[in-house]
């Protein structure tokens, strides 16, 4: 069995593809023949040991995947060999076969492609959790999405529109803004060319945005925070810019503002029933064509470093998929 391996914390260029022993299904587990693995920005951080979790070395990147159940262990009755499934595993999916707790597997409808299904759970799961459960977004409110052309940003744009919001896409180029508009954004702001705070105030006639969905962090964070409306909600989703921002707390006081963390992986573990309901909704929307599950590109396992480089350089427009 081939697997992408990280043997020492460093970076994407230190990855190797090697033959490893195939997994064995223990009690309660299933072996999945992996068709597609979706990569995320978190993978680039794990390889440097800069993420919230530290995997035990050696490990494979890849937090989510889709494939076909090959075999199941004892005490597994809800999943059978031949079932088409997707799952979130945190890390370890970038390989030909994955062993996983069968309770984590989600059955897929026959008309949903494997590569599309592989990239749904983290980005769309985070977006639905962030906008529905954390931001408590209401129809008619205005959402600013920072990093709106990446996988996480596109998911937030589409979910916000499905929830009835007005969406302002914020990205670093006009090309990326056109991409976000094609996925439902109502307006766009190029924060390379415009002051983000002033631009967000302008498109809301001075009122400010109700919700900021920030996948970028860095110097943009405080600018967006200052452009929120009274009782606005600022969603801390990620730090693609590399720097973790610090906020003046008086802004929260003056605006009656909430800053809320959006950590989907932890939510998925601690509130599995709520997360399962969200996941079922996402799978249904995808099967109905109401969300795009946009794919930036497909790469073989041997090009995992190249694929992760696209994400690290913030070049991805949609999901980056490995095909074992």
Protein backbone atom coordinates (compact mmCIF):
# COMPACT_ATOMS: atom_id res chain seq x y z
CA UNK A 1 0.00 0.00 0.00
CA UNK A 2 1.34 3.44 -0.94
CA UNK A 3 1.14 6.30 1.55
CA UNK A 4 2.35 9.89 1.75
CA UNK A 5 4.50 10.11 4.87
CA UNK A 6 5.82 12.90 7.07
CA UNK A 7 8.70 11.44 9.07
CA UNK A 8 9.97 14.66 10.67
CA UNK A 9 8.34 18.03 11.22
CA UNK A 10 9.59 20.51 8.66
CA UNK A 11 7.59 21.28 5.58
CA UNK A 12 5.90 20.02 2.48
CA UNK A 13 9.17 19.33 0.63
CA UNK A 14 10.15 16.70 3.23
CA UNK A 15 7.24 14.40 2.36
CA UNK A 16 7.86 10.99 0.82
CA UNK A 17 5.65 8.37 -0.84
CA UNK A 18 6.44 4.87 0.41
CA UNK A 19 5.08 1.35 0.49
CA UNK A 20 3.63 0.49 3.90
CA UNK A 21 1.79 -2.46 5.39
CA UNK A 22 -1.96 -2.41 4.68
CA UNK A 23 -4.18 -1.74 7.72
CA UNK A 24 -6.19 -4.40 9.53
CA UNK A 25 -9.75 -3.76 10.70
CA UNK A 26 -9.95 -4.01 14.49
CA UNK A 27 -13.23 -4.28 16.38
CA UNK A 28 -15.53 -1.41 15.42
CA UNK A 29 -13.36 -0.34 12.49
CA UNK A 30 -13.67 -0.37 8.72
CA UNK A 31 -11.06 -0.44 5.97
CA UNK A 32 -11.80 2.04 3.18
CA UNK A 33 -10.32 1.87 -0.30
CA UNK A 34 -9.61 5.57 -0.79
CA UNK A 35 -10.73 7.20 -4.05
CA UNK A 36 -10.05 10.84 -3.18
CA UNK A 37 -8.36 12.82 -0.39
CA UNK A 38 -9.02 16.52 0.18
CA UNK A 39 -6.17 18.66 1.45
CA UNK A 40 -6.59 21.74 3.65
CA UNK A 41 -4.49 24.61 4.99
CA UNK A 42 -4.34 22.78 8.33
CA UNK A 43 -2.24 20.08 6.65
CA UNK A 44 0.51 22.61 5.93
CA UNK A 45 0.53 23.61 9.61
CA UNK A 46 0.62 20.01 10.89
CA UNK A 47 3.70 19.30 8.79
CA UNK A 48 5.46 22.12 10.69
CA UNK A 49 3.97 21.11 14.07
CA UNK A 50 2.13 24.43 14.21
CA UNK A 51 -1.43 23.12 14.41
CA UNK A 52 -3.67 22.58 17.44
CA UNK A 53 -2.97 18.84 17.29
CA UNK A 54 0.41 17.14 17.03
CA UNK A 55 0.26 13.85 15.12
CA UNK A 56 2.59 11.05 16.16
CA UNK A 57 5.39 10.56 13.63
CA UNK A 58 5.37 9.21 11.00
CA UNK A 59 1.95 10.29 9.75
CA UNK A 60 0.11 10.98 6.52
CA UNK A 61 -1.54 14.35 5.86
CA UNK A 62 -5.14 14.53 4.72
CA UNK A 63 -8.04 15.13 7.10
CA UNK A 64 -10.92 14.04 4.89
CA UNK A 65 -11.53 11.47 2.19
CA UNK A 66 -14.07 9.49 0.22
CA UNK A 67 -13.94 5.90 -0.92
CA UNK A 68 -15.49 2.45 -0.83
CA UNK A 69 -15.65 0.21 2.23
CA UNK A 70 -13.40 -2.79 1.64
CA UNK A 71 -13.97 -4.72 4.85
CA UNK A 72 -15.28 -4.24 8.38
CA UNK A 73 -14.21 -5.54 11.76
CA UNK A 74 -16.31 -7.16 14.45
CA UNK A 75 -19.27 -5.27 15.95
CA UNK A 76 -19.80 -3.14 12.83
CA UNK A 77 -23.39 -3.30 11.59
CA UNK A 78 -24.22 0.14 10.15
CA UNK A 79 -21.63 0.00 7.34
CA UNK A 80 -20.99 -2.85 4.89
CA UNK A 81 -18.35 -3.68 2.29
CA UNK A 82 -19.18 -1.92 -0.96
CA UNK A 83 -20.72 1.16 0.69
CA UNK A 84 -19.65 4.51 -0.77
CA UNK A 85 -18.56 6.69 2.17
CA UNK A 86 -16.83 9.89 3.24
CA UNK A 87 -15.23 10.74 6.56
CA UNK A 88 -13.18 13.21 8.57
CA UNK A 89 -10.18 11.62 10.28
CA UNK A 90 -8.06 14.62 11.37
CA UNK A 91 -4.99 13.34 9.51
CA UNK A 92 -3.82 10.12 7.89
CA UNK A 93 -5.97 9.95 4.74
CA UNK A 94 -3.27 10.44 2.10
CA UNK A 95 -2.85 6.73 1.41
CA UNK A 96 -4.48 3.99 -0.59
CA UNK A 97 -6.24 2.30 2.34
CA UNK A 98 -7.49 3.88 5.57
CA UNK A 99 -8.57 2.17 8.79
CA UNK A 100 -11.16 4.21 10.68
CA UNK A 101 -13.81 3.96 13.39
CA UNK A 102 -16.85 2.89 11.38
CA UNK A 103 -19.05 5.32 13.32
CA UNK A 104 -17.28 8.21 11.59
CA UNK A 105 -18.27 7.07 8.10
CA UNK A 106 -21.03 8.87 6.22
CA UNK A 107 -22.83 7.07 3.42
CA UNK A 108 -22.86 8.89 0.09
CA UNK A 109 -25.66 9.03 -2.46
CA UNK A 110 -24.82 7.27 -5.71
CA UNK A 111 -25.00 10.48 -7.76
CA UNK A 112 -22.37 12.35 -5.71
CA UNK A 113 -18.87 12.02 -7.18
CA UNK A 114 -16.12 10.78 -4.88
CA UNK A 115 -13.77 13.71 -5.52
CA UNK A 116 -16.52 16.20 -4.70
CA UNK A 117 -17.58 14.28 -1.59
CA UNK A 118 -14.00 14.10 -0.29
CA UNK A 119 -13.79 17.87 0.08
CA UNK A 120 -17.13 18.61 1.70
CA UNK A 121 -16.75 17.95 5.40
CA UNK A 122 -13.99 20.30 6.59
CA UNK A 123 -14.72 23.45 4.59
CA UNK A 124 -18.50 23.21 4.29
CA UNK A 125 -18.76 21.67 7.75
CA UNK A 126 -16.78 24.58 9.16
CA UNK A 127 -18.85 27.10 7.20
CA UNK A 128 -22.20 25.70 8.33
CA UNK A 129 -21.03 25.35 11.93
CA UNK A 130 -19.49 28.82 11.87
CA UNK A 131 -22.41 30.63 10.29
CA UNK A 132 -25.30 28.65 11.77
CA UNK A 133 -24.17 27.43 15.20
CA UNK A 134 -21.62 30.12 16.11
CA UNK A 135 -22.61 33.32 14.25
CA UNK A 136 -26.35 32.53 14.40
CA UNK A 137 -26.63 34.18 11.00
CA UNK A 138 -30.09 35.44 10.08
CA UNK A 139 -31.58 35.84 6.64
CA UNK A 140 -31.03 39.39 5.35
CA UNK A 141 -27.83 40.01 7.32
CA UNK A 142 -24.55 40.95 5.63
CA UNK A 143 -21.53 38.64 5.81
CA UNK A 144 -17.97 39.58 4.83
CA UNK A 145 -15.88 36.55 3.87
CA UNK A 146 -12.11 37.09 4.02
CA UNK A 147 -10.17 34.76 1.73
CA UNK A 148 -13.35 34.24 -0.27
CA UNK A 149 -11.78 32.34 -3.19
CA UNK A 150 -10.09 29.54 -1.25
CA UNK A 151 -11.78 26.29 -0.33
CA UNK A 152 -12.93 27.57 3.07
CA UNK A 153 -13.99 30.93 1.63
CA UNK A 154 -16.03 29.53 -1.26
CA UNK A 155 -17.82 27.22 1.16
CA UNK A 156 -18.70 30.18 3.40
CA UNK A 157 -19.94 32.21 0.42
CA UNK A 158 -22.23 29.41 -0.72
CA UNK A 159 -23.52 28.49 2.75
CA UNK A 160 -24.20 32.14 3.62
CA UNK A 161 -26.22 32.56 0.41
CA UNK A 162 -28.22 29.40 1.16
CA UNK A 163 -29.00 30.93 4.56
CA UNK A 164 -30.33 34.09 2.92
CA UNK A 165 -27.45 36.47 3.64
CA UNK A 166 -25.95 39.24 1.54
CA UNK A 167 -22.33 38.23 0.93
CA UNK A 168 -19.36 40.56 0.45
CA UNK A 169 -16.38 38.58 -0.86
CA UNK A 170 -12.95 39.87 0.17
CA UNK A 171 -9.89 38.56 -1.67
CA UNK A 172 -6.45 39.55 -2.93
CA UNK A 173 -7.14 39.86 -6.67
CA UNK A 174 -9.91 40.75 -9.07
CA UNK A 175 -9.66 37.26 -10.58
CA UNK A 176 -10.39 35.72 -7.18
CA UNK A 177 -13.31 38.10 -6.68
CA UNK A 178 -14.79 37.08 -10.02
CA UNK A 179 -14.49 33.47 -8.86
CA UNK A 180 -16.29 34.27 -5.59
CA UNK A 181 -19.05 36.11 -7.47
CA UNK A 182 -19.52 33.07 -9.69
CA UNK A 183 -20.27 31.16 -6.49
CA UNK A 184 -22.88 33.60 -5.27
CA UNK A 185 -21.12 36.58 -3.69
CA UNK A 186 -23.11 39.78 -4.13
CA UNK A 187 -20.15 42.17 -4.00
CA UNK A 188 -16.37 42.02 -3.91
CA UNK A 189 -13.51 43.92 -2.29
CA UNK A 190 -9.90 43.56 -3.43
CA UNK A 191 -8.01 44.18 -0.19
CA UNK A 192 -4.74 44.58 -2.09
CA UNK A 193 -6.08 47.72 -3.75
CA UNK A 194 -8.50 49.11 -1.15
CA UNK A 195 -8.56 49.81 2.58
CA UNK A 196 -10.69 46.94 3.86
CA UNK A 197 -12.32 48.87 6.68
CA UNK A 198 -13.35 51.78 4.48
CA UNK A 199 -14.54 49.51 1.69
CA UNK A 200 -16.71 47.39 4.00
CA UNK A 201 -18.21 50.54 5.51
CA UNK A 202 -18.88 51.90 2.03
CA UNK A 203 -20.73 48.84 0.72
CA UNK A 204 -22.95 48.86 3.82
CA UNK A 205 -23.69 52.61 3.68
CA UNK A 206 -21.68 53.13 6.84
CA UNK A 207 -23.57 50.59 8.95
CA UNK A 208 -20.91 47.88 8.90
CA UNK A 209 -21.25 44.13 8.34
CA UNK A 210 -23.18 41.86 10.67
CA UNK A 211 -20.78 38.91 10.45
CA UNK A 212 -17.10 38.63 9.49
CA UNK A 213 -15.96 35.14 8.47
CA UNK A 214 -12.18 35.39 8.60
CA UNK A 215 -10.04 32.58 7.17
CA UNK A 216 -7.01 34.86 6.73
CA UNK A 217 -6.09 36.66 9.96
CA UNK A 218 -2.97 38.82 9.90
CA UNK A 219 -3.23 42.56 9.34
CA UNK A 220 -6.68 42.28 7.75
CA UNK A 221 -8.28 41.09 10.97
CA UNK A 222 -8.44 44.38 12.87
CA UNK A 223 -9.52 46.27 9.75
CA UNK A 224 -12.47 43.93 9.31
CA UNK A 225 -13.24 44.01 13.03
CA UNK A 226 -13.48 47.80 12.89
CA UNK A 227 -15.96 47.52 10.01
CA UNK A 228 -18.53 45.47 11.93
CA UNK A 229 -21.98 46.72 12.80
CA UNK A 230 -23.43 47.17 16.28
CA UNK A 231 -23.70 43.68 17.85
CA UNK A 232 -21.65 42.26 15.01
CA UNK A 233 -20.08 38.81 15.23
CA UNK A 234 -16.49 38.17 14.22
CA UNK A 235 -15.75 34.51 13.37
CA UNK A 236 -12.15 33.41 13.95
CA UNK A 237 -11.75 30.59 11.42
CA UNK A 238 -8.08 30.44 10.44
CA UNK A 239 -4.81 32.25 9.87
CA UNK A 240 -3.83 31.73 6.23
CA UNK A 241 -1.79 34.94 6.37
CA UNK A 242 0.47 33.27 8.90
CA UNK A 243 0.15 35.81 11.73
CA UNK A 244 -2.29 35.44 14.61
CA UNK A 245 -3.80 38.90 15.23
CA UNK A 246 -4.44 40.61 18.58
CA UNK A 247 -7.48 42.85 19.01
CA UNK A 248 -7.96 46.00 21.12
CA UNK A 249 -10.66 44.87 23.54
CA UNK A 250 -12.21 48.31 23.68
CA UNK A 251 -13.60 47.69 20.17
CA UNK A 252 -15.71 44.84 21.56
CA UNK A 253 -17.02 47.17 24.25
CA UNK A 254 -17.83 50.04 21.90
CA UNK A 255 -19.59 47.89 19.31
CA UNK A 256 -21.27 45.33 21.58
CA UNK A 257 -19.25 42.94 19.47
CA UNK A 258 -18.73 39.19 19.84
CA UNK A 259 -15.54 37.45 18.73
CA UNK A 260 -16.25 33.73 18.42
CA UNK A 261 -13.96 30.83 17.60
CA UNK A 262 -14.92 28.34 14.91
CA UNK A 263 -13.11 25.04 15.50
CA UNK A 264 -15.04 22.46 13.52
CA UNK A 265 -12.82 19.50 14.41
CA UNK A 266 -13.41 20.00 18.14
CA UNK A 267 -17.12 20.63 17.57
CA UNK A 268 -17.31 17.42 15.53
CA UNK A 269 -15.83 15.45 18.45
CA UNK A 270 -17.77 17.07 21.31
CA UNK A 271 -21.17 17.56 19.65
CA UNK A 272 -21.39 14.58 17.29
CA UNK A 273 -25.18 14.59 16.93
CA UNK A 274 -25.34 18.26 15.93
CA UNK A 275 -22.37 17.80 13.62
CA UNK A 276 -23.95 14.73 12.03
CA UNK A 277 -27.11 16.72 11.28
CA UNK A 278 -25.00 19.46 9.68
CA UNK A 279 -23.07 16.88 7.64
CA UNK A 280 -26.30 15.29 6.40
CA UNK A 281 -27.51 18.71 5.27
CA UNK A 282 -24.25 19.37 3.43
CA UNK A 283 -24.32 15.99 1.66
CA UNK A 284 -27.93 16.62 0.62
CA UNK A 285 -27.13 20.11 -0.71
CA UNK A 286 -24.18 18.70 -2.66
CA UNK A 287 -26.24 15.89 -4.17
CA UNK A 288 -28.90 18.43 -5.19
CA UNK A 289 -26.27 20.68 -6.78
CA UNK A 290 -26.98 23.54 -4.39
CA UNK A 291 -23.33 23.75 -3.34
CA UNK A 292 -20.55 23.44 -5.87
CA UNK A 293 -17.86 21.41 -4.07
CA UNK A 294 -15.52 23.33 -6.39
CA UNK A 295 -12.25 21.53 -7.16
CA UNK A 296 -9.08 23.47 -7.93
CA UNK A 297 -7.18 20.45 -9.21
CA UNK A 298 -6.42 16.73 -8.94
CA UNK A 299 -2.98 15.32 -8.07
CA UNK A 300 -1.55 11.81 -7.64
CA UNK A 301 -0.03 10.84 -4.29
CA UNK A 302 3.43 11.40 -5.75
CA UNK A 303 2.59 15.10 -6.23
CA UNK A 304 1.35 15.68 -2.68
CA UNK A 305 4.04 18.32 -2.02
CA UNK A 306 3.06 20.21 -5.17
CA UNK A 307 -0.60 20.04 -4.19
CA UNK A 308 0.08 21.33 -0.67
CA UNK A 309 2.23 24.10 -2.14
CA UNK A 310 -0.78 25.42 -4.02
CA UNK A 311 -2.60 25.73 -0.70
CA UNK A 312 0.37 27.18 1.20
CA UNK A 313 0.81 29.91 -1.43
CA UNK A 314 -2.94 30.67 -1.29
CA UNK A 315 -3.36 29.92 -4.98
CA UNK A 316 -6.19 27.42 -4.62
CA UNK A 317 -9.63 28.32 -5.93
CA UNK A 318 -11.68 25.53 -4.44
CA UNK A 319 -10.45 22.21 -3.06
CA UNK A 320 -7.15 20.49 -3.80
CA UNK A 321 -7.65 16.74 -4.24
CA UNK A 322 -5.24 13.80 -4.12
CA UNK A 323 -6.21 10.68 -6.10
CA UNK A 324 -4.57 7.55 -4.67
